[in-house]
């Protein structure tokens, strides 16, 4: 592919330039992604287990831990070098297979679900209303079932409905144009109507340690509350976006949840 300079005011224009510089197959496009389950074949289970052991140690000893109403987060992973080791295994595959360009981990959330939570925010049906060029990779650190807080998505036959976002550039103003659903929350009556169609189902994303999924945050999804006496779900969520330059370290510049940075947009580089 020839490298062509383009004006970069929108996320789409930025992504085009990222792909031009990477010089890969033009048909590779992250906007084609809805949800890909267990799409990376070379994730070492032992490496994930080692990360989980260190995460559990931090939670048990309240080291670098911050909390929200719904979850507990690790705010610093400098002493978990296995996270960068994991990134160096999986991110090049995602770059080549799905992005067609270099990528940057903008945010990195390592957390476990809480019990006795209010079923709102991410625990209500929603879409994230992110740029379509912004995707997430989730990796379960422990075994996850329907009982200990698996993520749920709305599935329609062999696809996942994606809600259009108004965020086309970093300066997009909320409400211009009006969002498909206010505050990106999907009303329960809308979900109920969808589920009357026999081709539409609620899919539980569960599986053993290392289960993972790459997805656009604009699918309809929600977290679930762990049932009593279960081991709460622990997971890493990588927020990934295109970048112009190859990253020498994927995890060092990623933002933790406690920094309260807007996770629904990113600045163009």
Protein backbone atom coordinates (compact mmCIF):
# COMPACT_ATOMS: atom_id res chain seq x y z
CA UNK A 1 0.00 0.00 0.00
CA UNK A 2 1.34 3.45 -0.82
CA UNK A 3 1.77 5.79 2.11
CA UNK A 4 -0.50 8.77 1.53
CA UNK A 5 -0.80 11.73 3.85
CA UNK A 6 -4.33 12.64 4.83
CA UNK A 7 -5.85 15.40 6.90
CA UNK A 8 -6.53 14.07 10.37
CA UNK A 9 -9.47 15.72 12.07
CA UNK A 10 -11.66 12.69 12.62
CA UNK A 11 -11.05 9.26 14.07
CA UNK A 12 -11.65 7.73 10.66
CA UNK A 13 -9.05 9.98 8.97
CA UNK A 14 -6.54 9.20 11.71
CA UNK A 15 -7.17 5.47 11.28
CA UNK A 16 -6.65 5.72 7.51
CA UNK A 17 -3.28 7.38 8.06
CA UNK A 18 -2.31 4.73 10.64
CA UNK A 19 -3.07 2.01 8.09
CA UNK A 20 -1.20 3.83 5.32
CA UNK A 21 1.93 3.95 7.47
CA UNK A 22 1.60 0.32 8.52
CA UNK A 23 1.23 -0.70 4.84
CA UNK A 24 -0.96 -3.74 5.24
CA UNK A 25 -3.97 -5.20 3.48
CA UNK A 26 -6.52 -2.43 2.90
CA UNK A 27 -9.41 -4.79 3.67
CA UNK A 28 -8.34 -5.11 7.33
CA UNK A 29 -10.64 -2.77 9.23
CA UNK A 30 -11.40 -2.69 12.94
CA UNK A 31 -14.88 -1.31 12.29
CA UNK A 32 -15.81 -4.79 11.02
CA UNK A 33 -15.50 -6.13 14.58
CA UNK A 34 -18.56 -6.75 16.72
CA UNK A 35 -17.34 -9.55 19.02
CA UNK A 36 -14.68 -12.21 18.49
CA UNK A 37 -14.55 -14.87 21.21
CA UNK A 38 -11.23 -16.61 21.97
CA UNK A 39 -9.67 -15.20 18.81
CA UNK A 40 -6.00 -15.40 19.92
CA UNK A 41 -4.58 -18.90 19.98
CA UNK A 42 -1.26 -18.34 21.73
CA UNK A 43 -2.21 -16.92 25.14
CA UNK A 44 -0.23 -18.91 27.75
CA UNK A 45 -2.56 -20.03 30.55
CA UNK A 46 0.34 -20.14 33.01
CA UNK A 47 1.18 -16.50 32.29
CA UNK A 48 -2.44 -15.50 32.95
CA UNK A 49 -2.37 -17.52 36.17
CA UNK A 50 0.80 -15.74 37.31
CA UNK A 51 -0.84 -12.36 36.68
CA UNK A 52 -3.91 -13.46 38.60
CA UNK A 53 -1.84 -14.60 41.60
CA UNK A 54 -0.25 -11.15 41.84
CA UNK A 55 -3.60 -9.41 41.37
CA UNK A 56 -5.16 -11.53 44.14
CA UNK A 57 -2.23 -10.66 46.42
CA UNK A 58 -2.86 -6.97 45.84
CA UNK A 59 -6.59 -7.30 46.53
CA UNK A 60 -6.05 -9.35 49.70
CA UNK A 61 -3.48 -6.91 51.08
CA UNK A 62 -5.14 -3.74 49.78
CA UNK A 63 -2.09 -2.78 47.72
CA UNK A 64 -2.73 -0.27 44.90
CA UNK A 65 -6.47 -0.89 45.17
CA UNK A 66 -9.22 1.64 44.40
CA UNK A 67 -12.95 1.02 44.51
CA UNK A 68 -16.10 2.07 42.74
CA UNK A 69 -19.65 1.19 43.78
CA UNK A 70 -19.48 -1.88 41.57
CA UNK A 71 -15.89 -3.11 41.47
CA UNK A 72 -12.37 -3.04 42.94
CA UNK A 73 -9.52 -1.96 40.66
CA UNK A 74 -5.75 -2.27 40.61
CA UNK A 75 -4.33 1.22 40.18
CA UNK A 76 -0.67 0.32 39.53
CA UNK A 77 0.85 -2.70 37.78
CA UNK A 78 4.54 -1.70 37.66
CA UNK A 79 5.33 -4.71 39.84
CA UNK A 80 3.48 -7.12 37.53
CA UNK A 81 5.83 -7.38 34.51
CA UNK A 82 3.83 -10.34 33.25
CA UNK A 83 1.20 -7.88 32.00
CA UNK A 84 3.64 -6.40 29.49
CA UNK A 85 4.81 -9.92 28.61
CA UNK A 86 1.20 -10.77 27.82
CA UNK A 87 0.81 -7.61 25.74
CA UNK A 88 3.86 -8.43 23.66
CA UNK A 89 2.32 -11.80 22.82
CA UNK A 90 -1.20 -10.71 21.93
CA UNK A 91 -1.03 -7.13 20.65
CA UNK A 92 1.02 -7.83 17.47
CA UNK A 93 -1.59 -10.41 16.47
CA UNK A 94 -4.41 -7.91 16.97
CA UNK A 95 -2.47 -5.26 15.04
CA UNK A 96 -2.01 -7.49 12.02
CA UNK A 97 -5.24 -9.49 12.06
CA UNK A 98 -7.81 -6.88 13.10
CA UNK A 99 -6.45 -3.31 13.07
CA UNK A 100 -4.12 -3.34 10.09
CA UNK A 101 -1.99 -0.77 11.90
CA UNK A 102 -0.05 -0.15 15.09
CA UNK A 103 -2.16 0.05 18.21
CA UNK A 104 -2.00 1.72 21.60
CA UNK A 105 -3.45 0.52 24.90
CA UNK A 106 -5.10 3.75 26.03
CA UNK A 107 -6.63 2.37 29.23
CA UNK A 108 -5.99 -0.79 31.20
CA UNK A 109 -8.54 -1.83 33.83
CA UNK A 110 -7.75 -4.75 36.13
CA UNK A 111 -10.67 -5.42 38.44
CA UNK A 112 -13.00 -7.77 40.24
CA UNK A 113 -16.76 -7.43 40.60
CA UNK A 114 -18.34 -6.59 43.94
CA UNK A 115 -21.35 -8.21 45.59
CA UNK A 116 -24.58 -6.50 46.66
CA UNK A 117 -24.37 -3.82 44.00
CA UNK A 118 -27.00 -1.57 42.47
CA UNK A 119 -27.80 -2.83 38.99
CA UNK A 120 -27.01 0.38 37.14
CA UNK A 121 -24.12 1.88 35.23
CA UNK A 122 -22.20 -0.97 33.54
CA UNK A 123 -24.47 -3.47 35.27
CA UNK A 124 -27.45 -2.27 33.24
CA UNK A 125 -27.90 -2.96 29.53
CA UNK A 126 -25.88 -0.34 27.66
CA UNK A 127 -23.45 0.46 24.89
CA UNK A 128 -20.35 2.54 25.59
CA UNK A 129 -20.90 5.16 22.85
CA UNK A 130 -17.24 5.09 21.81
CA UNK A 131 -15.64 5.87 18.45
CA UNK A 132 -15.97 2.81 16.21
CA UNK A 133 -12.16 2.74 15.94
CA UNK A 134 -11.89 2.16 19.72
CA UNK A 135 -12.19 -1.50 20.79
CA UNK A 136 -11.74 -3.54 23.96
CA UNK A 137 -10.04 -6.81 24.71
CA UNK A 138 -11.18 -8.61 27.85
CA UNK A 139 -9.25 -11.49 29.40
CA UNK A 140 -10.63 -13.45 32.35
CA UNK A 141 -8.02 -14.01 35.04
CA UNK A 142 -10.00 -16.72 36.83
CA UNK A 143 -12.67 -19.23 35.87
CA UNK A 144 -15.89 -17.37 35.08
CA UNK A 145 -19.39 -18.86 35.05
CA UNK A 146 -22.93 -17.53 35.07
CA UNK A 147 -22.68 -17.46 38.88
CA UNK A 148 -19.66 -15.24 39.51
CA UNK A 149 -20.15 -12.18 37.36
CA UNK A 150 -19.74 -13.03 33.69
CA UNK A 151 -20.38 -10.38 31.08
CA UNK A 152 -23.57 -10.70 29.03
CA UNK A 153 -24.23 -9.54 25.47
CA UNK A 154 -27.22 -9.43 23.16
CA UNK A 155 -26.71 -11.78 20.24
CA UNK A 156 -28.79 -11.90 17.04
CA UNK A 157 -28.29 -15.21 15.22
CA UNK A 158 -24.55 -15.11 14.37
CA UNK A 159 -23.99 -11.39 14.92
CA UNK A 160 -24.13 -8.79 17.66
CA UNK A 161 -26.18 -5.61 17.17
CA UNK A 162 -23.95 -2.51 17.22
CA UNK A 163 -25.32 0.90 18.19
CA UNK A 164 -24.03 3.86 16.17
CA UNK A 165 -22.01 6.43 18.14
CA UNK A 166 -21.97 10.18 17.57
CA UNK A 167 -18.25 10.31 18.51
CA UNK A 168 -16.59 10.83 15.13
CA UNK A 169 -13.75 13.07 16.37
CA UNK A 170 -12.14 14.11 19.67
CA UNK A 171 -14.16 17.35 19.75
CA UNK A 172 -17.55 15.73 19.20
CA UNK A 173 -20.11 17.36 21.49
CA UNK A 174 -22.41 15.17 23.50
CA UNK A 175 -25.90 15.31 22.07
CA UNK A 176 -24.83 16.56 18.61
CA UNK A 177 -26.33 14.62 16.94
CA UNK A 178 -28.63 13.19 19.63
CA UNK A 179 -27.57 9.74 20.84
CA UNK A 180 -29.60 6.71 19.85
CA UNK A 181 -30.34 6.13 23.55
CA UNK A 182 -29.94 8.79 26.29
CA UNK A 183 -26.84 8.20 28.43
CA UNK A 184 -26.15 5.12 26.27
CA UNK A 185 -28.47 3.02 28.47
CA UNK A 186 -30.81 0.57 26.73
CA UNK A 187 -34.33 0.59 28.24
CA UNK A 188 -35.50 -2.77 29.60
CA UNK A 189 -38.65 -2.62 27.48
CA UNK A 190 -36.49 -2.28 24.36
CA UNK A 191 -34.50 -5.38 25.37
CA UNK A 192 -37.74 -7.25 26.09
CA UNK A 193 -39.04 -6.47 22.61
CA UNK A 194 -35.78 -7.66 21.07
CA UNK A 195 -35.90 -10.94 22.97
CA UNK A 196 -39.38 -11.73 21.62
CA UNK A 197 -37.59 -12.49 18.35
CA UNK A 198 -36.44 -16.10 18.65
CA UNK A 199 -33.21 -15.27 16.79
CA UNK A 200 -32.19 -12.86 19.58
CA UNK A 201 -30.67 -14.25 22.79
CA UNK A 202 -28.72 -13.21 25.85
CA UNK A 203 -25.26 -14.77 25.63
CA UNK A 204 -23.24 -15.36 28.78
CA UNK A 205 -19.53 -14.83 28.11
CA UNK A 206 -18.13 -17.43 30.45
CA UNK A 207 -15.22 -19.85 30.43
CA UNK A 208 -12.02 -20.94 32.15
CA UNK A 209 -9.08 -18.69 33.01
CA UNK A 210 -7.71 -17.14 29.81
CA UNK A 211 -11.11 -16.89 28.11
CA UNK A 212 -11.04 -13.66 26.13
CA UNK A 213 -13.00 -11.60 23.66
CA UNK A 214 -12.25 -8.66 21.38
CA UNK A 215 -15.27 -6.42 20.89
CA UNK A 216 -16.56 -3.03 19.96
CA UNK A 217 -17.83 -1.33 23.12
CA UNK A 218 -20.91 -0.37 21.13
CA UNK A 219 -22.50 -3.80 21.25
CA UNK A 220 -25.34 -4.15 23.78
CA UNK A 221 -23.80 -5.60 26.94
CA UNK A 222 -23.74 -5.54 30.72
CA UNK A 223 -21.87 -6.92 33.70
CA UNK A 224 -23.57 -9.27 36.16
CA UNK A 225 -23.44 -9.51 39.93
CA UNK A 226 -21.64 -12.50 41.49
CA UNK A 227 -23.92 -14.81 43.43
CA UNK A 228 -23.21 -15.43 47.14
CA UNK A 229 -20.42 -17.89 47.94
CA UNK A 230 -18.89 -17.62 44.47
CA UNK A 231 -15.37 -16.42 43.62
CA UNK A 232 -15.92 -13.03 42.02
CA UNK A 233 -14.86 -12.56 38.42
CA UNK A 234 -11.43 -11.01 37.91
CA UNK A 235 -10.50 -9.64 34.52
CA UNK A 236 -8.26 -7.33 32.54
CA UNK A 237 -9.89 -4.97 30.06
CA UNK A 238 -7.60 -3.36 27.49
CA UNK A 239 -8.98 -0.26 25.72
CA UNK A 240 -7.22 -0.29 22.35
CA UNK A 241 -7.04 2.30 19.56
CA UNK A 242 -5.02 2.97 16.38
CA UNK A 243 -1.73 4.83 16.62
CA UNK A 244 0.78 6.14 14.09
CA UNK A 245 3.88 4.70 15.73
CA UNK A 246 4.87 1.27 16.92
CA UNK A 247 4.77 1.03 20.71
CA UNK A 248 7.88 -0.24 22.49
CA UNK A 249 5.85 -0.87 25.63
CA UNK A 250 2.10 -1.39 25.50
CA UNK A 251 1.18 -1.18 29.18
CA UNK A 252 3.41 1.51 30.67
CA UNK A 253 1.47 4.51 29.32
CA UNK A 254 -2.03 3.03 29.75
CA UNK A 255 -4.36 4.77 32.18
CA UNK A 256 -5.79 3.00 35.21
CA UNK A 257 -9.44 3.42 36.18
CA UNK A 258 -8.65 5.60 39.21
CA UNK A 259 -7.36 8.45 37.03
CA UNK A 260 -10.95 9.19 35.99
CA UNK A 261 -10.02 9.99 32.39
CA UNK A 262 -12.82 9.89 29.84
CA UNK A 263 -12.72 6.35 28.44
CA UNK A 264 -15.16 7.15 25.63
CA UNK A 265 -12.72 9.09 23.46
CA UNK A 266 -9.01 9.54 22.73
CA UNK A 267 -6.81 12.30 21.34
CA UNK A 268 -5.27 11.88 17.90
CA UNK A 269 -1.49 11.40 17.81
